Amino acid sequence: MPIPPDALVALPRPFTARRRLNRLARALRRRGWKVERRYAETLPLLRVHFPDMWGLGESVTVAGGAGGWWYRSSTGELLAPCADVDLAVLRVMTALDRWVSAAGSFWGTDGS
């Protein structure tokens, strides 16, 4: 569910965002993903990396959406309600798998 670029987004208090991002981080680590917490910034976010390709990753934040707090991708897409961590993990993994597949096919060819 993409958010229009000009839409105002409700942001949680930093403590609330960190707590929800910590839950997502634990779930992603259990599945073998590398997770970097970036909480010192104004907007707490989680940087998720494919274990073998540190340069490829996704940044996840928490934002208000229909029915409560949602995990939001760096593209503005609402991934899943914060209450459904398993769905959020699946959506992050799917997005990163696409990037990794595209990068792998690029590096495996002459680039054209």
PDB file of N, CA and C in Angstrom:
ATOM      1  N   MET A   1       0.852  -1.158   0.000  1.00  0.00           N
ATOM      2  CA  MET A   1       0.000   0.000   0.000  1.00  0.00           C
ATOM      3  C   MET A   1       0.905   1.230   0.000  1.00  0.00           C
ATOM      4  N   PRO A   2       1.215   1.803  -1.171  1.00  0.00           N
ATOM      5  CA  PRO A   2       2.084   2.973  -1.218  1.00  0.00           C
ATOM      6  C   PRO A   2       1.415   4.215  -0.639  1.00  0.00           C
ATOM      7  N   ILE A   3       2.230   5.087  -0.093  1.00  0.00           N
ATOM      8  CA  ILE A   3       1.746   6.348   0.461  1.00  0.00           C
ATOM      9  C   ILE A   3       2.029   7.439  -0.565  1.00  0.00           C
ATOM     10  N   PRO A   4       1.044   8.285  -0.882  1.00  0.00           N
ATOM     11  CA  PRO A   4       1.327   9.385  -1.804  1.00  0.00           C
ATOM     12  C   PRO A   4       2.458  10.250  -1.250  1.00  0.00           C
ATOM     13  N   PRO A   5       3.359  10.723  -2.115  1.00  0.00           N
ATOM     14  CA  PRO A   5       4.514  11.485  -1.634  1.00  0.00           C
ATOM     15  C   PRO A   5       4.161  12.741  -0.851  1.00  0.00           C
ATOM     16  N   ASP A   6       3.001  13.330  -1.120  1.00  0.00           N
ATOM     17  CA  ASP A   6       2.636  14.564  -0.428  1.00  0.00           C
ATOM     18  C   ASP A   6       1.775  14.319   0.810  1.00  0.00           C
ATOM     19  N   ALA A   7       1.525  13.053   1.132  1.00  0.00           N
ATOM     20  CA  ALA A   7       0.681  12.732   2.284  1.00  0.00           C
ATOM     21  C   ALA A   7       1.456  12.943   3.583  1.00  0.00           C
ATOM     22  N   LEU A   8       0.782  13.483   4.579  1.00  0.00           N
ATOM     23  CA  LEU A   8       1.379  13.615   5.899  1.00  0.00           C
ATOM     24  C   LEU A   8       1.314  12.259   6.584  1.00  0.00           C
ATOM     25  N   VAL A   9       2.402  11.869   7.199  1.00  0.00           N
ATOM     26  CA  VAL A   9       2.477  10.569   7.851  1.00  0.00           C
ATOM     27  C   VAL A   9       2.653  10.790   9.341  1.00  0.00           C
ATOM     28  N   ALA A  10       1.845  10.095  10.137  1.00  0.00           N
ATOM     29  CA  ALA A  10       1.981  10.173  11.582  1.00  0.00           C
ATOM     30  C   ALA A  10       3.171   9.325  12.003  1.00  0.00           C
ATOM     31  N   LEU A  11       4.039   9.900  12.806  1.00  0.00           N
ATOM     32  CA  LEU A  11       5.206   9.174  13.287  1.00  0.00           C
ATOM     33  C   LEU A  11       5.056   8.915  14.775  1.00  0.00           C
ATOM     34  N   PRO A  12       5.489   7.746  15.234  1.00  0.00           N
ATOM     35  CA  PRO A  12       5.392   7.439  16.661  1.00  0.00           C
ATOM     36  C   PRO A  12       6.493   8.144  17.452  1.00  0.00           C
ATOM     37  N   ARG A  13       6.354   8.124  18.761  1.00  0.00           N
ATOM     38  CA  ARG A  13       7.440   8.593  19.616  1.00  0.00           C
ATOM     39  C   ARG A  13       8.636   7.668  19.400  1.00  0.00           C
ATOM     40  N   PRO A  14       9.858   8.149  19.552  1.00  0.00           N
ATOM     41  CA  PRO A  14      11.031   7.298  19.317  1.00  0.00           C
ATOM     42  C   PRO A  14      11.011   5.992  20.110  1.00  0.00           C
ATOM     43  N   PHE A  15      10.564   6.033  21.373  1.00  0.00           N
ATOM     44  CA  PHE A  15      10.511   4.812  22.178  1.00  0.00           C
ATOM     45  C   PHE A  15       9.595   3.782  21.533  1.00  0.00           C
ATOM     46  N   THR A  16       8.441   4.220  21.065  1.00  0.00           N
ATOM     47  CA  THR A  16       7.475   3.318  20.426  1.00  0.00           C
ATOM     48  C   THR A  16       8.067   2.725  19.155  1.00  0.00           C
ATOM     49  N   ALA A  17       8.695   3.548  18.350  1.00  0.00           N
ATOM     50  CA  ALA A  17       9.305   3.062  17.105  1.00  0.00           C
ATOM     51  C   ALA A  17      10.407   2.056  17.404  1.00  0.00           C
ATOM     52  N   ARG A  18      11.278   2.366  18.363  1.00  0.00           N
ATOM     53  CA  ARG A  18      12.383   1.451  18.698  1.00  0.00           C
ATOM     54  C   ARG A  18      11.860   0.106  19.172  1.00  0.00           C
ATOM     55  N   ARG A  19      10.839   0.124  20.000  1.00  0.00           N
ATOM     56  CA  ARG A  19      10.290  -1.133  20.520  1.00  0.00           C
ATOM     57  C   ARG A  19       9.762  -2.009  19.393  1.00  0.00           C
ATOM     58  N   ARG A  20       9.037  -1.414  18.468  1.00  0.00           N
ATOM     59  CA  ARG A  20       8.486  -2.182  17.354  1.00  0.00           C
ATOM     60  C   ARG A  20       9.581  -2.633  16.387  1.00  0.00           C
ATOM     61  N   LEU A  21      10.555  -1.774  16.137  1.00  0.00           N
ATOM     62  CA  LEU A  21      11.659  -2.150  15.255  1.00  0.00           C
ATOM     63  C   LEU A  21      12.520  -3.245  15.881  1.00  0.00           C
ATOM     64  N   ASN A  22      12.668  -3.244  17.202  1.00  0.00           N
ATOM     65  CA  ASN A  22      13.415  -4.316  17.872  1.00  0.00           C
ATOM     66  C   ASN A  22      12.752  -5.669  17.654  1.00  0.00           C
ATOM     67  N   ARG A  23      11.433  -5.706  17.705  1.00  0.00           N
ATOM     68  CA  ARG A  23      10.714  -6.968  17.463  1.00  0.00           C
ATOM     69  C   ARG A  23      10.981  -7.470  16.052  1.00  0.00           C
ATOM     70  N   LEU A  24      10.936  -6.563  15.083  1.00  0.00           N
ATOM     71  CA  LEU A  24      11.197  -6.941  13.700  1.00  0.00           C
ATOM     72  C   LEU A  24      12.650  -7.388  13.538  1.00  0.00           C
ATOM     73  N   ALA A  25      13.577  -6.692  14.177  1.00  0.00           N
ATOM     74  CA  ALA A  25      15.003  -7.043  14.085  1.00  0.00           C
ATOM     75  C   ALA A  25      15.251  -8.453  14.601  1.00  0.00           C
ATOM     76  N   ARG A  26      14.666  -8.801  15.735  1.00  0.00           N
ATOM     77  CA  ARG A  26      14.852 -10.154  16.281  1.00  0.00           C
ATOM     78  C   ARG A  26      14.326 -11.207  15.322  1.00  0.00           C
ATOM     79  N   ALA A  27      13.162 -10.963  14.745  1.00  0.00           N
ATOM     80  CA  ALA A  27      12.564 -11.932  13.818  1.00  0.00           C
ATOM     81  C   ALA A  27      13.416 -12.086  12.556  1.00  0.00           C
ATOM     82  N   LEU A  28      13.950 -10.995  12.040  1.00  0.00           N
ATOM     83  CA  LEU A  28      14.790 -11.067  10.839  1.00  0.00           C
ATOM     84  C   LEU A  28      16.114 -11.765  11.130  1.00  0.00           C
ATOM     85  N   ARG A  29      16.705 -11.501  12.280  1.00  0.00           N
ATOM     86  CA  ARG A  29      17.973 -12.164  12.644  1.00  0.00           C
ATOM     87  C   ARG A  29      17.787 -13.673  12.769  1.00  0.00           C
ATOM     88  N   ARG A  30      16.663 -14.092  13.323  1.00  0.00           N
ATOM     89  CA  ARG A  30      16.397 -15.531  13.438  1.00  0.00           C
ATOM     90  C   ARG A  30      16.362 -16.201  12.074  1.00  0.00           C
ATOM     91  N   ARG A  31      16.038 -15.438  11.039  1.00  0.00           N
ATOM     92  CA  ARG A  31      15.974 -15.984   9.678  1.00  0.00           C
ATOM     93  C   ARG A  31      17.266 -15.747   8.897  1.00  0.00           C
ATOM     94  N   GLY A  32      18.306 -15.270   9.567  1.00  0.00           N
ATOM     95  CA  GLY A  32      19.616 -15.152   8.956  1.00  0.00           C
ATOM     96  C   GLY A  32      19.955 -13.822   8.315  1.00  0.00           C
ATOM     97  N   TRP A  33      19.102 -12.827   8.461  1.00  0.00           N
ATOM     98  CA  TRP A  33      19.372 -11.512   7.865  1.00  0.00           C
ATOM     99  C   TRP A  33      20.235 -10.693   8.805  1.00  0.00           C
ATOM    100  N   LYS A  34      21.052  -9.825   8.242  1.00  0.00           N
ATOM    101  CA  LYS A  34      21.867  -8.897   9.031  1.00  0.00           C
ATOM    102  C   LYS A  34      21.041  -7.635   9.268  1.00  0.00           C
ATOM    103  N   VAL A  35      21.004  -7.184  10.497  1.00  0.00           N
ATOM    104  CA  VAL A  35      20.180  -6.028  10.861  1.00  0.00           C
ATOM    105  C   VAL A  35      21.038  -5.010  11.596  1.00  0.00           C
ATOM    106  N   GLU A  36      20.922  -3.771  11.191  1.00  0.00           N
ATOM    107  CA  GLU A  36      21.645  -2.668  11.823  1.00  0.00           C
ATOM    108  C   GLU A  36      20.613  -1.670  12.347  1.00  0.00           C
ATOM    109  N   ARG A  37      20.655  -1.440  13.657  1.00  0.00           N
ATOM    110  CA  ARG A  37      19.732  -0.475  14.255  1.00  0.00           C
ATOM    111  C   ARG A  37      20.323   0.918  14.138  1.00  0.00           C
ATOM    112  N   ARG A  38      19.548   1.829  13.618  1.00  0.00           N
ATOM    113  CA  ARG A  38      19.974   3.231  13.520  1.00  0.00           C
ATOM    114  C   ARG A  38      18.968   4.071  14.306  1.00  0.00           C
ATOM    115  N   TYR A  39      19.197   4.128  15.593  1.00  0.00           N
ATOM    116  CA  TYR A  39      18.245   4.783  16.482  1.00  0.00           C
ATOM    117  C   TYR A  39      18.704   6.168  16.921  1.00  0.00           C
ATOM    118  N   ALA A  40      19.936   6.543  16.650  1.00  0.00           N
ATOM    119  CA  ALA A  40      20.432   7.850  17.089  1.00  0.00           C
ATOM    120  C   ALA A  40      19.926   8.972  16.193  1.00  0.00           C
ATOM    121  N   GLU A  41      19.404   8.603  15.043  1.00  0.00           N
ATOM    122  CA  GLU A  41      18.911   9.603  14.105  1.00  0.00           C
ATOM    123  C   GLU A  41      17.536  10.099  14.540  1.00  0.00           C
ATOM    124  N   THR A  42      17.073  11.157  13.912  1.00  0.00           N
ATOM    125  CA  THR A  42      15.775  11.739  14.245  1.00  0.00           C
ATOM    126  C   THR A  42      14.661  10.718  14.098  1.00  0.00           C
ATOM    127  N   LEU A  43      14.701   9.971  13.014  1.00  0.00           N
ATOM    128  CA  LEU A  43      13.695   8.953  12.742  1.00  0.00           C
ATOM    129  C   LEU A  43      14.335   7.580  12.921  1.00  0.00           C
ATOM    130  N   PRO A  44      14.005   6.859  14.011  1.00  0.00           N
ATOM    131  CA  PRO A  44      14.601   5.541  14.203  1.00  0.00           C
ATOM    132  C   PRO A  44      14.281   4.634  13.013  1.00  0.00           C
ATOM    133  N   LEU A  45      15.303   3.920  12.553  1.00  0.00           N
ATOM    134  CA  LEU A  45      15.075   2.996  11.448  1.00  0.00           C
ATOM    135  C   LEU A  45      15.949   1.773  11.597  1.00  0.00           C
ATOM    136  N   LEU A  46      15.545   0.751  10.881  1.00  0.00           N
ATOM    137  CA  LEU A  46      16.252  -0.518  10.848  1.00  0.00           C
ATOM    138  C   LEU A  46      16.806  -0.683   9.449  1.00  0.00           C
ATOM    139  N   ARG A  47      18.079  -0.989   9.349  1.00  0.00           N
ATOM    140  CA  ARG A  47      18.688  -1.246   8.046  1.00  0.00           C
ATOM    141  C   ARG A  47      18.878  -2.751   7.960  1.00  0.00           C
ATOM    142  N   VAL A  48      18.241  -3.382   6.980  1.00  0.00           N
ATOM    143  CA  VAL A  48      18.272  -4.834   6.816  1.00  0.00           C
ATOM    144  C   VAL A  48      19.118  -5.156   5.592  1.00  0.00           C
ATOM    145  N   HIS A  49      20.096  -6.057   5.778  1.00  0.00           N
ATOM    146  CA  HIS A  49      21.014  -6.423   4.703  1.00  0.00           C
ATOM    147  C   HIS A  49      20.948  -7.916   4.437  1.00  0.00           C
ATOM    148  N   PHE A  50      21.131  -8.276   3.175  1.00  0.00           N
ATOM    149  CA  PHE A  50      21.325  -9.670   2.807  1.00  0.00           C
ATOM    150  C   PHE A  50      22.691 -10.082   3.354  1.00  0.00           C
ATOM    151  N   PRO A  51      22.802 -11.240   3.997  1.00  0.00           N
ATOM    152  CA  PRO A  51      24.056 -11.607   4.660  1.00  0.00           C
ATOM    153  C   PRO A  51      25.298 -11.568   3.762  1.00  0.00           C
ATOM    154  N   ASP A  52      25.177 -11.961   2.506  1.00  0.00           N
ATOM    155  CA  ASP A  52      26.349 -12.029   1.630  1.00  0.00           C
ATOM    156  C   ASP A  52      26.548 -10.790   0.774  1.00  0.00           C
ATOM    157  N   MET A  53      25.637  -9.831   0.846  1.00  0.00           N
ATOM    158  CA  MET A  53      25.737  -8.627   0.022  1.00  0.00           C
ATOM    159  C   MET A  53      25.442  -7.420   0.898  1.00  0.00           C
ATOM    160  N   TRP A  54      26.444  -6.968   1.642  1.00  0.00           N
ATOM    161  CA  TRP A  54      26.246  -5.907   2.619  1.00  0.00           C
ATOM    162  C   TRP A  54      25.784  -4.604   1.978  1.00  0.00           C
ATOM    163  N   GLY A  55      26.120  -4.379   0.730  1.00  0.00           N
ATOM    164  CA  GLY A  55      25.759  -3.132   0.063  1.00  0.00           C
ATOM    165  C   GLY A  55      24.297  -3.031  -0.326  1.00  0.00           C
ATOM    166  N   LEU A  56      23.599  -4.165  -0.360  1.00  0.00           N
ATOM    167  CA  LEU A  56      22.174  -4.152  -0.704  1.00  0.00           C
ATOM    168  C   LEU A  56      21.358  -4.271   0.567  1.00  0.00           C
ATOM    169  N   GLY A  57      20.386  -3.402   0.714  1.00  0.00           N
ATOM    170  CA  GLY A  57      19.574  -3.475   1.910  1.00  0.00           C
ATOM    171  C   GLY A  57      18.315  -2.647   1.797  1.00  0.00           C
ATOM    172  N   GLU A  58      17.529  -2.712   2.840  1.00  0.00           N
ATOM    173  CA  GLU A  58      16.268  -1.983   2.926  1.00  0.00           C
ATOM    174  C   GLU A  58      16.229  -1.278   4.267  1.00  0.00           C
ATOM    175  N   SER A  59      15.711  -0.070   4.284  1.00  0.00           N
ATOM    176  CA  SER A  59      15.523   0.675   5.523  1.00  0.00           C
ATOM    177  C   SER A  59      14.047   0.627   5.889  1.00  0.00           C
ATOM    178  N   VAL A  60      13.777   0.246   7.122  1.00  0.00           N
ATOM    179  CA  VAL A  60      12.397   0.110   7.594  1.00  0.00           C
ATOM    180  C   VAL A  60      12.185   1.073   8.756  1.00  0.00           C
ATOM    181  N   THR A  61      11.077   1.800   8.705  1.00  0.00           N
ATOM    182  CA  THR A  61      10.684   2.706   9.780  1.00  0.00           C
ATOM    183  C   THR A  61       9.284   2.310  10.247  1.00  0.00           C
ATOM    184  N   VAL A  62       8.779   3.032  11.221  1.00  0.00           N
ATOM    185  CA  VAL A  62       7.412   2.826  11.711  1.00  0.00           C
ATOM    186  C   VAL A  62       6.628   4.100  11.421  1.00  0.00           C
ATOM    187  N   ALA A  63       5.419   3.921  10.886  1.00  0.00           N
ATOM    188  CA  ALA A  63       4.563   5.066  10.558  1.00  0.00           C
ATOM    189  C   ALA A  63       3.114   4.706  10.841  1.00  0.00           C
ATOM    190  N   GLY A  64       2.304   5.731  11.042  1.00  0.00           N
ATOM    191  CA  GLY A  64       0.880   5.517  11.256  1.00  0.00           C
ATOM    192  C   GLY A  64       0.193   5.140   9.958  1.00  0.00           C
ATOM    193  N   GLY A  65      -0.740   4.218  10.053  1.00  0.00           N
ATOM    194  CA  GLY A  65      -1.507   3.788   8.886  1.00  0.00           C
ATOM    195  C   GLY A  65      -2.896   3.393   9.323  1.00  0.00           C
ATOM    196  N   ALA A  66      -3.625   2.769   8.434  1.00  0.00           N
ATOM    197  CA  ALA A  66      -4.986   2.333   8.742  1.00  0.00           C
ATOM    198  C   ALA A  66      -4.959   1.349   9.908  1.00  0.00           C
ATOM    199  N   GLY A  67      -5.576   1.715  11.003  1.00  0.00           N
ATOM    200  CA  GLY A  67      -5.709   0.808  12.133  1.00  0.00           C
ATOM    201  C   GLY A  67      -4.556   0.805  13.115  1.00  0.00           C
ATOM    202  N   GLY A  68      -3.562   1.663  12.953  1.00  0.00           N
ATOM    203  CA  GLY A  68      -2.469   1.694  13.929  1.00  0.00           C
ATOM    204  C   GLY A  68      -1.113   1.896  13.294  1.00  0.00           C
ATOM    205  N   TRP A  69      -0.083   1.353  13.964  1.00  0.00           N
ATOM    206  CA  TRP A  69       1.297   1.510  13.500  1.00  0.00           C
ATOM    207  C   TRP A  69       1.642   0.436  12.486  1.00  0.00           C
ATOM    208  N   TRP A  70       2.402   0.858  11.462  1.00  0.00           N
ATOM    209  CA  TRP A  70       2.813  -0.043  10.381  1.00  0.00           C
ATOM    210  C   TRP A  70       4.318   0.045  10.194  1.00  0.00           C
ATOM    211  N   TYR A  71       4.902  -1.055   9.696  1.00  0.00           N
ATOM    212  CA  TYR A  71       6.278  -1.017   9.216  1.00  0.00           C
ATOM    213  C   TYR A  71       6.233  -0.426   7.817  1.00  0.00           C
ATOM    214  N   ARG A  72       7.152   0.520   7.541  1.00  0.00           N
ATOM    215  CA  ARG A  72       7.169   1.204   6.253  1.00  0.00           C
ATOM    216  C   ARG A  72       8.547   1.064   5.614  1.00  0.00           C
ATOM    217  N   SER A  73       8.561   0.728   4.332  1.00  0.00           N
ATOM    218  CA  SER A  73       9.823   0.571   3.604  1.00  0.00           C
ATOM    219  C   SER A  73      10.396   1.930   3.225  1.00  0.00           C
ATOM    220  N   SER A  74      11.609   1.916   2.715  1.00  0.00           N
ATOM    221  CA  SER A  74      12.262   3.162   2.300  1.00  0.00           C
ATOM    222  C   SER A  74      11.579   3.785   1.093  1.00  0.00           C
ATOM    223  N   THR A  75      10.778   3.001   0.375  1.00  0.00           N
ATOM    224  CA  THR A  75      10.036   3.534  -0.773  1.00  0.00           C
ATOM    225  C   THR A  75       8.706   4.142  -0.358  1.00  0.00           C
ATOM    226  N   GLY A  76       8.359   4.034   0.926  1.00  0.00           N
ATOM    227  CA  GLY A  76       7.096   4.569   1.414  1.00  0.00           C
ATOM    228  C   GLY A  76       5.982   3.547   1.469  1.00  0.00           C
ATOM    229  N   GLU A  77       6.268   2.332   1.033  1.00  0.00           N
ATOM    230  CA  GLU A  77       5.248   1.282   1.041  1.00  0.00           C
ATOM    231  C   GLU A  77       5.015   0.802   2.469  1.00  0.00           C
ATOM    232  N   LEU A  78       3.744   0.691   2.850  1.00  0.00           N
ATOM    233  CA  LEU A  78       3.410   0.114   4.146  1.00  0.00           C
ATOM    234  C   LEU A  78       3.522  -1.399   4.006  1.00  0.00           C
ATOM    235  N   LEU A  79       4.448  -1.997   4.754  1.00  0.00           N
ATOM    236  CA  LEU A  79       4.743  -3.419   4.609  1.00  0.00           C
ATOM    237  C   LEU A  79       3.730  -4.297   5.325  1.00  0.00           C
ATOM    238  N   ALA A  80       3.478  -3.988   6.587  1.00  0.00           N
ATOM    239  CA  ALA A  80       2.564  -4.791   7.398  1.00  0.00           C
ATOM    240  C   ALA A  80       2.292  -4.047   8.693  1.00  0.00           C
ATOM    241  N   PRO A  81       1.148  -4.341   9.317  1.00  0.00           N
ATOM    242  CA  PRO A  81       0.907  -3.751  10.639  1.00  0.00           C
ATOM    243  C   PRO A  81       1.986  -4.228  11.615  1.00  0.00           C
ATOM    244  N   CYS A  82       2.369  -3.393  12.545  1.00  0.00           N
ATOM    245  CA  CYS A  82       3.390  -3.779  13.521  1.00  0.00           C
ATOM    246  C   CYS A  82       2.950  -4.973  14.364  1.00  0.00           C
ATOM    247  N   ALA A  83       1.663  -5.203  14.455  1.00  0.00           N
ATOM    248  CA  ALA A  83       1.158  -6.352  15.200  1.00  0.00           C
ATOM    249  C   ALA A  83       1.415  -7.663  14.461  1.00  0.00           C
ATOM    250  N   ASP A  84       1.727  -7.608  13.175  1.00  0.00           N
ATOM    251  CA  ASP A  84       1.954  -8.813  12.367  1.00  0.00           C
ATOM    252  C   ASP A  84       3.411  -8.855  11.910  1.00  0.00           C
ATOM    253  N   VAL A  85       4.301  -9.196  12.835  1.00  0.00           N
ATOM    254  CA  VAL A  85       5.736  -9.207  12.550  1.00  0.00           C
ATOM    255  C   VAL A  85       6.073 -10.234  11.476  1.00  0.00           C
ATOM    256  N   ASP A  86       5.417 -11.391  11.496  1.00  0.00           N
ATOM    257  CA  ASP A  86       5.718 -12.425  10.499  1.00  0.00           C
ATOM    258  C   ASP A  86       5.441 -11.941   9.085  1.00  0.00           C
ATOM    259  N   LEU A  87       4.353 -11.216   8.892  1.00  0.00           N
ATOM    260  CA  LEU A  87       4.048 -10.672   7.569  1.00  0.00           C
ATOM    261  C   LEU A  87       5.089  -9.624   7.174  1.00  0.00           C
ATOM    262  N   ALA A  88       5.499  -8.802   8.121  1.00  0.00           N
ATOM    263  CA  ALA A  88       6.523  -7.791   7.830  1.00  0.00           C
ATOM    264  C   ALA A  88       7.832  -8.456   7.418  1.00  0.00           C
ATOM    265  N   VAL A  89       8.217  -9.514   8.110  1.00  0.00           N
ATOM    266  CA  VAL A  89       9.440 -10.249   7.760  1.00  0.00           C
ATOM    267  C   VAL A  89       9.327 -10.790   6.343  1.00  0.00           C
ATOM    268  N   LEU A  90       8.198 -11.383   6.024  1.00  0.00           N
ATOM    269  CA  LEU A  90       7.990 -11.932   4.681  1.00  0.00           C
ATOM    270  C   LEU A  90       8.095 -10.843   3.620  1.00  0.00           C
ATOM    271  N   ARG A  91       7.484  -9.705   3.867  1.00  0.00           N
ATOM    272  CA  ARG A  91       7.512  -8.608   2.886  1.00  0.00           C
ATOM    273  C   ARG A  91       8.924  -8.041   2.715  1.00  0.00           C
ATOM    274  N   VAL A  92       9.673  -7.905   3.805  1.00  0.00           N
ATOM    275  CA  VAL A  92      11.053  -7.415   3.712  1.00  0.00           C
ATOM    276  C   VAL A  92      11.911  -8.430   2.960  1.00  0.00           C
ATOM    277  N   MET A  93      11.767  -9.715   3.308  1.00  0.00           N
ATOM    278  CA  MET A  93      12.549 -10.754   2.642  1.00  0.00           C
ATOM    279  C   MET A  93      12.244 -10.806   1.151  1.00  0.00           C
ATOM    280  N   THR A  94      10.983 -10.687   0.784  1.00  0.00           N
ATOM    281  CA  THR A  94      10.596 -10.713  -0.626  1.00  0.00           C
ATOM    282  C   THR A  94      11.210  -9.537  -1.376  1.00  0.00           C
ATOM    283  N   ALA A  95      11.142  -8.356  -0.782  1.00  0.00           N
ATOM    284  CA  ALA A  95      11.709  -7.169  -1.430  1.00  0.00           C
ATOM    285  C   ALA A  95      13.216  -7.317  -1.614  1.00  0.00           C
ATOM    286  N   LEU A  96      13.904  -7.784  -0.579  1.00  0.00           N
ATOM    287  CA  LEU A  96      15.357  -7.924  -0.678  1.00  0.00           C
ATOM    288  C   LEU A  96      15.756  -9.049  -1.621  1.00  0.00           C
ATOM    289  N   ASP A  97      14.996 -10.122  -1.638  1.00  0.00           N
ATOM    290  CA  ASP A  97      15.295 -11.217  -2.574  1.00  0.00           C
ATOM    291  C   ASP A  97      15.239 -10.729  -4.013  1.00  0.00           C
ATOM    292  N   ARG A  98      14.278  -9.857  -4.319  1.00  0.00           N
ATOM    293  CA  ARG A  98      14.195  -9.302  -5.679  1.00  0.00           C
ATOM    294  C   ARG A  98      15.440  -8.492  -6.009  1.00  0.00           C
ATOM    295  N   TRP A  99      15.885  -7.654  -5.063  1.00  0.00           N
ATOM    296  CA  TRP A  99      17.090  -6.847  -5.287  1.00  0.00           C
ATOM    297  C   TRP A  99      18.315  -7.730  -5.461  1.00  0.00           C
ATOM    298  N   VAL A 100      18.435  -8.749  -4.619  1.00  0.00           N
ATOM    299  CA  VAL A 100      19.599  -9.632  -4.684  1.00  0.00           C
ATOM    300  C   VAL A 100      19.602 -10.408  -5.991  1.00  0.00           C
ATOM    301  N   SER A 101      18.433 -10.875  -6.432  1.00  0.00           N
ATOM    302  CA  SER A 101      18.341 -11.594  -7.706  1.00  0.00           C
ATOM    303  C   SER A 101      18.737 -10.690  -8.861  1.00  0.00           C
ATOM    304  N   ALA A 102      18.258  -9.460  -8.842  1.00  0.00           N
ATOM    305  CA  ALA A 102      18.595  -8.514  -9.909  1.00  0.00           C
ATOM    306  C   ALA A 102      20.092  -8.211  -9.905  1.00  0.00           C
ATOM    307  N   ALA A 103      20.670  -8.020  -8.733  1.00  0.00           N
ATOM    308  CA  ALA A 103      22.106  -7.735  -8.649  1.00  0.00           C
ATOM    309  C   ALA A 103      22.914  -8.940  -9.107  1.00  0.00           C
ATOM    310  N   GLY A 104      22.480 -10.129  -8.712  1.00  0.00           N
ATOM    311  CA  GLY A 104      23.189 -11.339  -9.120  1.00  0.00           C
ATOM    312  C   GLY A 104      23.162 -11.545 -10.613  1.00  0.00           C
ATOM    313  N   SER A 105      22.028 -11.275 -11.241  1.00  0.00           N
ATOM    314  CA  SER A 105      21.947 -11.450 -12.692  1.00  0.00           C
ATOM    315  C   SER A 105      22.767 -10.385 -13.403  1.00  0.00           C
ATOM    316  N   PHE A 106      22.851  -9.191 -12.832  1.00  0.00           N
ATOM    317  CA  PHE A 106      23.664  -8.129 -13.438  1.00  0.00           C
ATOM    318  C   PHE A 106      25.145  -8.493 -13.381  1.00  0.00           C
ATOM    319  N   TRP A 107      25.610  -8.920 -12.209  1.00  0.00           N
ATOM    320  CA  TRP A 107      27.035  -9.225 -12.052  1.00  0.00           C
ATOM    321  C   TRP A 107      27.418 -10.505 -12.780  1.00  0.00           C
ATOM    322  N   GLY A 108      26.447 -11.374 -13.041  1.00  0.00           N
ATOM    323  CA  GLY A 108      26.732 -12.616 -13.754  1.00  0.00           C
ATOM    324  C   GLY A 108      26.780 -12.433 -15.261  1.00  0.00           C
ATOM    325  N   THR A 109      26.453 -11.244 -15.764  1.00  0.00           N
ATOM    326  CA  THR A 109      26.470 -10.976 -17.206  1.00  0.00           C
ATOM    327  C   THR A 109      27.480  -9.879 -17.495  1.00  0.00           C
ATOM    328  N   ASP A 110      27.467  -9.406 -18.722  1.00  0.00           N
ATOM    329  CA  ASP A 110      28.376  -8.308 -19.077  1.00  0.00           C
ATOM    330  C   ASP A 110      27.784  -6.944 -18.727  1.00  0.00           C
ATOM    331  N   GLY A 111      26.628  -6.933 -18.035  1.00  0.00           N
ATOM    332  CA  GLY A 111      26.013  -5.686 -17.593  1.00  0.00           C
ATOM    333  C   GLY A 111      24.973  -5.133 -18.535  1.00  0.00           C
ATOM    334  N   SER A 112      24.776  -5.775 -19.682  1.00  0.00           N
ATOM    335  CA  SER A 112      23.790  -5.245 -20.632  1.00  0.00           C
ATOM    336  C   SER A 112      22.469  -5.964 -20.527  1.00  0.00           C
TER     337      SER A 112
END
